[in-house]
C-alpha cells in the first residue's frame, strides 16, 4: 500500500508554496522547484520580462523546450544504437 501524500514547502523567487506529493517524489519535486527558481531568477536578472506571470511562462517555455530537445536527442541516440546493434549482429552472423 502506498503512503499518503505529504505536504512540503518549496520556495520560488522568495515566495513559499505548499505542495502535496507522494513521499517517494519529494526529492524530485524539490529539485524541480530549485530548477524553476533558477530559471525564473535568470529571466528576472535579464530584465527583459516584467511580471511574475510572464516570468513563469517564459521559464515554463524554456524548460519545455529543453525537455523536448532532450527527448529528441534520446530518440536519435536510441535509433543510432539500434542501427549499430544491427550492424554488429550482421557482422557476427557473417563470421558464423
N, C-alpha and C. Protein backbone atom coordinates (compact mmCIF):
# COMPACT_ATOMS: atom_id res chain seq x y z
N UNK A 1 0.84 -1.17 0.00
CA UNK A 1 0.00 0.00 0.00
C UNK A 1 0.89 1.24 0.00
N UNK A 2 0.59 2.19 -0.85
CA UNK A 2 1.42 3.40 -0.94
C UNK A 2 1.11 4.35 0.20
N UNK A 3 2.13 5.11 0.55
CA UNK A 3 1.97 6.09 1.62
C UNK A 3 1.15 7.27 1.11
N UNK A 4 0.44 7.91 2.01
CA UNK A 4 -0.37 9.06 1.62
C UNK A 4 0.54 10.26 1.34
N UNK A 5 0.09 11.14 0.46
CA UNK A 5 0.91 12.31 0.11
C UNK A 5 1.22 13.17 1.33
N UNK A 6 2.37 13.78 1.27
CA UNK A 6 2.75 14.72 2.31
C UNK A 6 2.82 16.11 1.69
N UNK A 7 2.69 17.11 2.52
CA UNK A 7 2.77 18.49 2.04
C UNK A 7 4.16 19.01 2.35
N UNK A 8 4.82 19.50 1.31
CA UNK A 8 6.14 20.08 1.51
C UNK A 8 6.10 21.54 1.07
N UNK A 9 7.08 22.27 1.52
CA UNK A 9 7.19 23.68 1.21
C UNK A 9 8.33 23.88 0.22
N UNK A 10 8.05 24.58 -0.88
CA UNK A 10 9.10 24.93 -1.83
C UNK A 10 9.12 26.45 -1.97
N UNK A 11 10.29 26.96 -2.29
CA UNK A 11 10.45 28.40 -2.39
C UNK A 11 10.89 28.76 -3.81
N UNK A 12 10.10 29.62 -4.44
CA UNK A 12 10.39 30.06 -5.80
C UNK A 12 10.31 31.58 -5.82
N UNK A 13 11.41 32.22 -6.21
CA UNK A 13 11.51 33.68 -6.20
C UNK A 13 11.06 34.28 -4.86
N UNK A 14 11.60 33.72 -3.81
CA UNK A 14 11.37 34.20 -2.44
C UNK A 14 9.92 34.09 -1.99
N UNK A 15 9.12 33.33 -2.69
CA UNK A 15 7.74 33.09 -2.29
C UNK A 15 7.60 31.60 -1.98
N UNK A 16 6.93 31.32 -0.88
CA UNK A 16 6.79 29.93 -0.44
C UNK A 16 5.47 29.34 -0.93
N UNK A 17 5.57 28.10 -1.41
CA UNK A 17 4.40 27.37 -1.90
C UNK A 17 4.31 26.04 -1.18
N UNK A 18 3.10 25.66 -0.79
CA UNK A 18 2.85 24.37 -0.17
C UNK A 18 2.37 23.42 -1.27
N UNK A 19 3.05 22.29 -1.41
CA UNK A 19 2.73 21.35 -2.47
C UNK A 19 2.59 19.96 -1.88
N UNK A 20 1.55 19.27 -2.31
CA UNK A 20 1.31 17.91 -1.86
C UNK A 20 1.91 16.94 -2.87
N UNK A 21 2.65 15.94 -2.38
CA UNK A 21 3.20 14.94 -3.28
C UNK A 21 3.50 13.66 -2.50
N UNK A 22 3.57 12.53 -3.21
CA UNK A 22 3.91 11.27 -2.55
C UNK A 22 5.31 11.35 -1.94
N UNK A 23 5.52 10.69 -0.83
CA UNK A 23 6.83 10.76 -0.15
C UNK A 23 8.00 10.36 -1.04
N UNK A 24 7.80 9.41 -1.95
CA UNK A 24 8.91 8.98 -2.80
C UNK A 24 9.22 9.96 -3.92
N UNK A 25 8.46 11.03 -4.04
CA UNK A 25 8.70 12.03 -5.08
C UNK A 25 9.15 13.38 -4.52
N UNK A 26 9.37 13.45 -3.21
CA UNK A 26 9.75 14.71 -2.57
C UNK A 26 11.07 15.23 -3.13
N UNK A 27 12.06 14.36 -3.28
CA UNK A 27 13.36 14.81 -3.79
C UNK A 27 13.23 15.37 -5.20
N UNK A 28 12.45 14.70 -6.04
CA UNK A 28 12.25 15.17 -7.40
C UNK A 28 11.53 16.49 -7.45
N UNK A 29 10.52 16.65 -6.60
CA UNK A 29 9.78 17.90 -6.54
C UNK A 29 10.68 19.03 -6.06
N UNK A 30 11.47 18.77 -5.06
CA UNK A 30 12.39 19.78 -4.53
C UNK A 30 13.40 20.19 -5.60
N UNK A 31 13.94 19.22 -6.33
CA UNK A 31 14.89 19.53 -7.40
C UNK A 31 14.20 20.34 -8.51
N UNK A 32 12.96 19.99 -8.82
CA UNK A 32 12.21 20.72 -9.85
C UNK A 32 11.97 22.15 -9.44
N UNK A 33 11.62 22.35 -8.18
CA UNK A 33 11.38 23.70 -7.67
C UNK A 33 12.66 24.53 -7.71
N UNK A 34 13.79 23.92 -7.37
CA UNK A 34 15.07 24.64 -7.42
C UNK A 34 15.42 25.01 -8.86
N UNK A 35 15.15 24.10 -9.78
CA UNK A 35 15.42 24.37 -11.20
C UNK A 35 14.54 25.51 -11.70
N UNK A 36 13.26 25.47 -11.36
CA UNK A 36 12.34 26.53 -11.76
C UNK A 36 12.75 27.86 -11.15
N UNK A 37 13.13 27.85 -9.89
CA UNK A 37 13.58 29.07 -9.23
C UNK A 37 14.79 29.65 -9.96
N UNK A 38 15.75 28.80 -10.32
CA UNK A 38 16.95 29.27 -11.02
C UNK A 38 16.59 29.85 -12.38
N UNK A 39 15.68 29.18 -13.11
CA UNK A 39 15.26 29.69 -14.41
C UNK A 39 14.58 31.05 -14.29
N UNK A 40 13.70 31.18 -13.31
CA UNK A 40 12.98 32.44 -13.14
C UNK A 40 13.91 33.56 -12.69
N UNK A 41 14.88 33.25 -11.85
CA UNK A 41 15.86 34.26 -11.43
C UNK A 41 16.70 34.73 -12.63
N UNK A 42 17.07 33.79 -13.48
CA UNK A 42 17.85 34.13 -14.67
C UNK A 42 17.05 35.06 -15.58
N UNK A 43 15.78 34.77 -15.75
CA UNK A 43 14.91 35.61 -16.58
C UNK A 43 14.75 36.99 -15.94
N UNK A 44 14.55 37.01 -14.63
CA UNK A 44 14.39 38.30 -13.93
C UNK A 44 15.65 39.14 -14.05
N UNK A 45 16.81 38.49 -13.90
CA UNK A 45 18.07 39.23 -13.99
C UNK A 45 18.34 39.74 -15.39
N UNK A 46 17.77 39.07 -16.39
CA UNK A 46 17.90 39.54 -17.77
C UNK A 46 17.20 40.86 -17.98
N UNK A 47 16.19 41.11 -17.17
CA UNK A 47 15.50 42.39 -17.20
C UNK A 47 14.56 42.62 -18.36
N UNK A 48 14.40 41.63 -19.25
CA UNK A 48 13.55 41.83 -20.42
C UNK A 48 12.10 41.47 -20.19
N UNK A 49 11.81 40.74 -19.10
CA UNK A 49 10.45 40.28 -18.85
C UNK A 49 9.99 40.84 -17.51
N UNK A 50 8.87 41.53 -17.54
CA UNK A 50 8.32 42.10 -16.32
C UNK A 50 7.08 41.32 -15.91
N UNK A 51 6.91 41.15 -14.63
CA UNK A 51 5.73 40.47 -14.11
C UNK A 51 6.00 39.01 -13.82
N UNK A 52 5.56 38.58 -12.67
CA UNK A 52 5.76 37.21 -12.23
C UNK A 52 5.11 36.20 -13.17
N UNK A 53 3.91 36.51 -13.65
CA UNK A 53 3.22 35.59 -14.57
C UNK A 53 4.02 35.40 -15.85
N UNK A 54 4.53 36.48 -16.41
CA UNK A 54 5.30 36.38 -17.65
C UNK A 54 6.61 35.64 -17.43
N UNK A 55 7.25 35.88 -16.28
CA UNK A 55 8.48 35.15 -15.97
C UNK A 55 8.20 33.66 -15.85
N UNK A 56 7.09 33.31 -15.21
CA UNK A 56 6.73 31.90 -15.05
C UNK A 56 6.47 31.25 -16.40
N UNK A 57 5.78 31.97 -17.29
CA UNK A 57 5.51 31.42 -18.63
C UNK A 57 6.81 31.27 -19.41
N UNK A 58 7.68 32.25 -19.36
CA UNK A 58 8.95 32.15 -20.06
C UNK A 58 9.79 31.00 -19.52
N UNK A 59 9.82 30.85 -18.20
CA UNK A 59 10.56 29.73 -17.60
C UNK A 59 9.96 28.40 -18.04
N UNK A 60 8.63 28.32 -18.05
CA UNK A 60 7.97 27.08 -18.48
C UNK A 60 8.30 26.77 -19.93
N UNK A 61 8.30 27.79 -20.78
CA UNK A 61 8.65 27.57 -22.19
C UNK A 61 10.10 27.11 -22.34
N UNK A 62 11.01 27.71 -21.59
CA UNK A 62 12.41 27.29 -21.64
C UNK A 62 12.58 25.85 -21.19
N UNK A 63 11.92 25.50 -20.10
CA UNK A 63 12.03 24.14 -19.57
C UNK A 63 11.40 23.14 -20.54
N UNK A 64 10.24 23.48 -21.10
CA UNK A 64 9.59 22.60 -22.07
C UNK A 64 10.47 22.42 -23.30
N UNK A 65 11.08 23.50 -23.78
CA UNK A 65 11.97 23.41 -24.93
C UNK A 65 13.15 22.48 -24.63
N UNK A 66 13.77 22.65 -23.46
CA UNK A 66 14.89 21.79 -23.07
C UNK A 66 14.45 20.33 -23.01
N UNK A 67 13.28 20.08 -22.43
CA UNK A 67 12.76 18.72 -22.32
C UNK A 67 12.55 18.09 -23.70
N UNK A 68 11.91 18.83 -24.60
CA UNK A 68 11.64 18.30 -25.93
C UNK A 68 12.93 18.04 -26.71
N UNK A 69 13.90 18.93 -26.57
CA UNK A 69 15.19 18.72 -27.23
C UNK A 69 15.90 17.48 -26.68
N UNK A 70 15.86 17.29 -25.37
CA UNK A 70 16.48 16.11 -24.78
C UNK A 70 15.76 14.83 -25.20
N UNK A 71 14.44 14.91 -25.29
CA UNK A 71 13.66 13.74 -25.71
C UNK A 71 14.01 13.37 -27.16
N UNK A 72 14.15 14.38 -28.00
CA UNK A 72 14.53 14.14 -29.40
C UNK A 72 15.94 13.58 -29.48
N UNK A 73 16.86 14.15 -28.70
CA UNK A 73 18.23 13.65 -28.68
C UNK A 73 18.28 12.19 -28.23
N UNK A 74 17.47 11.86 -27.24
CA UNK A 74 17.41 10.48 -26.74
C UNK A 74 16.87 9.54 -27.81
N UNK A 75 15.83 9.97 -28.51
CA UNK A 75 15.27 9.15 -29.58
C UNK A 75 16.29 8.94 -30.69
N UNK A 76 17.01 10.01 -31.05
CA UNK A 76 18.04 9.89 -32.08
C UNK A 76 19.15 8.94 -31.65
N UNK A 77 19.59 9.06 -30.40
CA UNK A 77 20.63 8.18 -29.88
C UNK A 77 20.15 6.74 -29.86
N UNK A 78 18.90 6.53 -29.49
CA UNK A 78 18.34 5.19 -29.47
C UNK A 78 18.33 4.58 -30.86
N UNK A 79 17.98 5.38 -31.86
CA UNK A 79 18.00 4.91 -33.24
C UNK A 79 19.40 4.55 -33.70
N UNK A 80 20.38 5.36 -33.33
CA UNK A 80 21.77 5.07 -33.70
C UNK A 80 22.26 3.81 -33.02
N UNK A 81 21.89 3.63 -31.76
CA UNK A 81 22.29 2.42 -31.03
C UNK A 81 21.67 1.19 -31.68
N UNK A 82 20.41 1.27 -32.06
CA UNK A 82 19.75 0.14 -32.73
C UNK A 82 20.43 -0.18 -34.04
N UNK A 83 20.79 0.84 -34.80
CA UNK A 83 21.47 0.63 -36.07
C UNK A 83 22.84 -0.01 -35.86
N UNK A 84 23.58 0.45 -34.86
CA UNK A 84 24.88 -0.15 -34.56
C UNK A 84 24.73 -1.59 -34.09
N UNK A 85 23.73 -1.85 -33.28
CA UNK A 85 23.49 -3.23 -32.82
C UNK A 85 23.17 -4.14 -33.99
N UNK A 86 22.38 -3.63 -34.94
CA UNK A 86 22.05 -4.42 -36.12
C UNK A 86 23.30 -4.70 -36.95
N UNK A 87 24.14 -3.68 -37.12
CA UNK A 87 25.39 -3.88 -37.87
C UNK A 87 26.28 -4.90 -37.18
N UNK A 88 26.35 -4.84 -35.85
CA UNK A 88 27.15 -5.79 -35.09
C UNK A 88 26.59 -7.20 -35.26
N UNK A 89 25.28 -7.35 -35.16
CA UNK A 89 24.66 -8.66 -35.34
C UNK A 89 24.91 -9.19 -36.75
N UNK A 90 24.81 -8.32 -37.75
CA UNK A 90 25.07 -8.73 -39.12
C UNK A 90 26.51 -9.19 -39.29
N UNK A 91 27.44 -8.44 -38.68
CA UNK A 91 28.85 -8.81 -38.78
C UNK A 91 29.11 -10.14 -38.09
N UNK A 92 28.49 -10.35 -36.95
CA UNK A 92 28.67 -11.62 -36.23
C UNK A 92 28.05 -12.78 -37.02
N UNK A 93 26.92 -12.53 -37.66
CA UNK A 93 26.27 -13.57 -38.48
C UNK A 93 27.14 -13.92 -39.68
N UNK A 94 27.83 -12.92 -40.27
CA UNK A 94 28.70 -13.17 -41.42
C UNK A 94 29.89 -14.04 -41.03
N UNK A 95 30.37 -13.87 -39.78
CA UNK A 95 31.52 -14.65 -39.31
C UNK A 95 31.12 -16.08 -38.95
N UNK A 96 29.86 -16.32 -38.71
CA UNK A 96 29.43 -17.65 -38.26
C UNK A 96 29.38 -18.66 -39.36
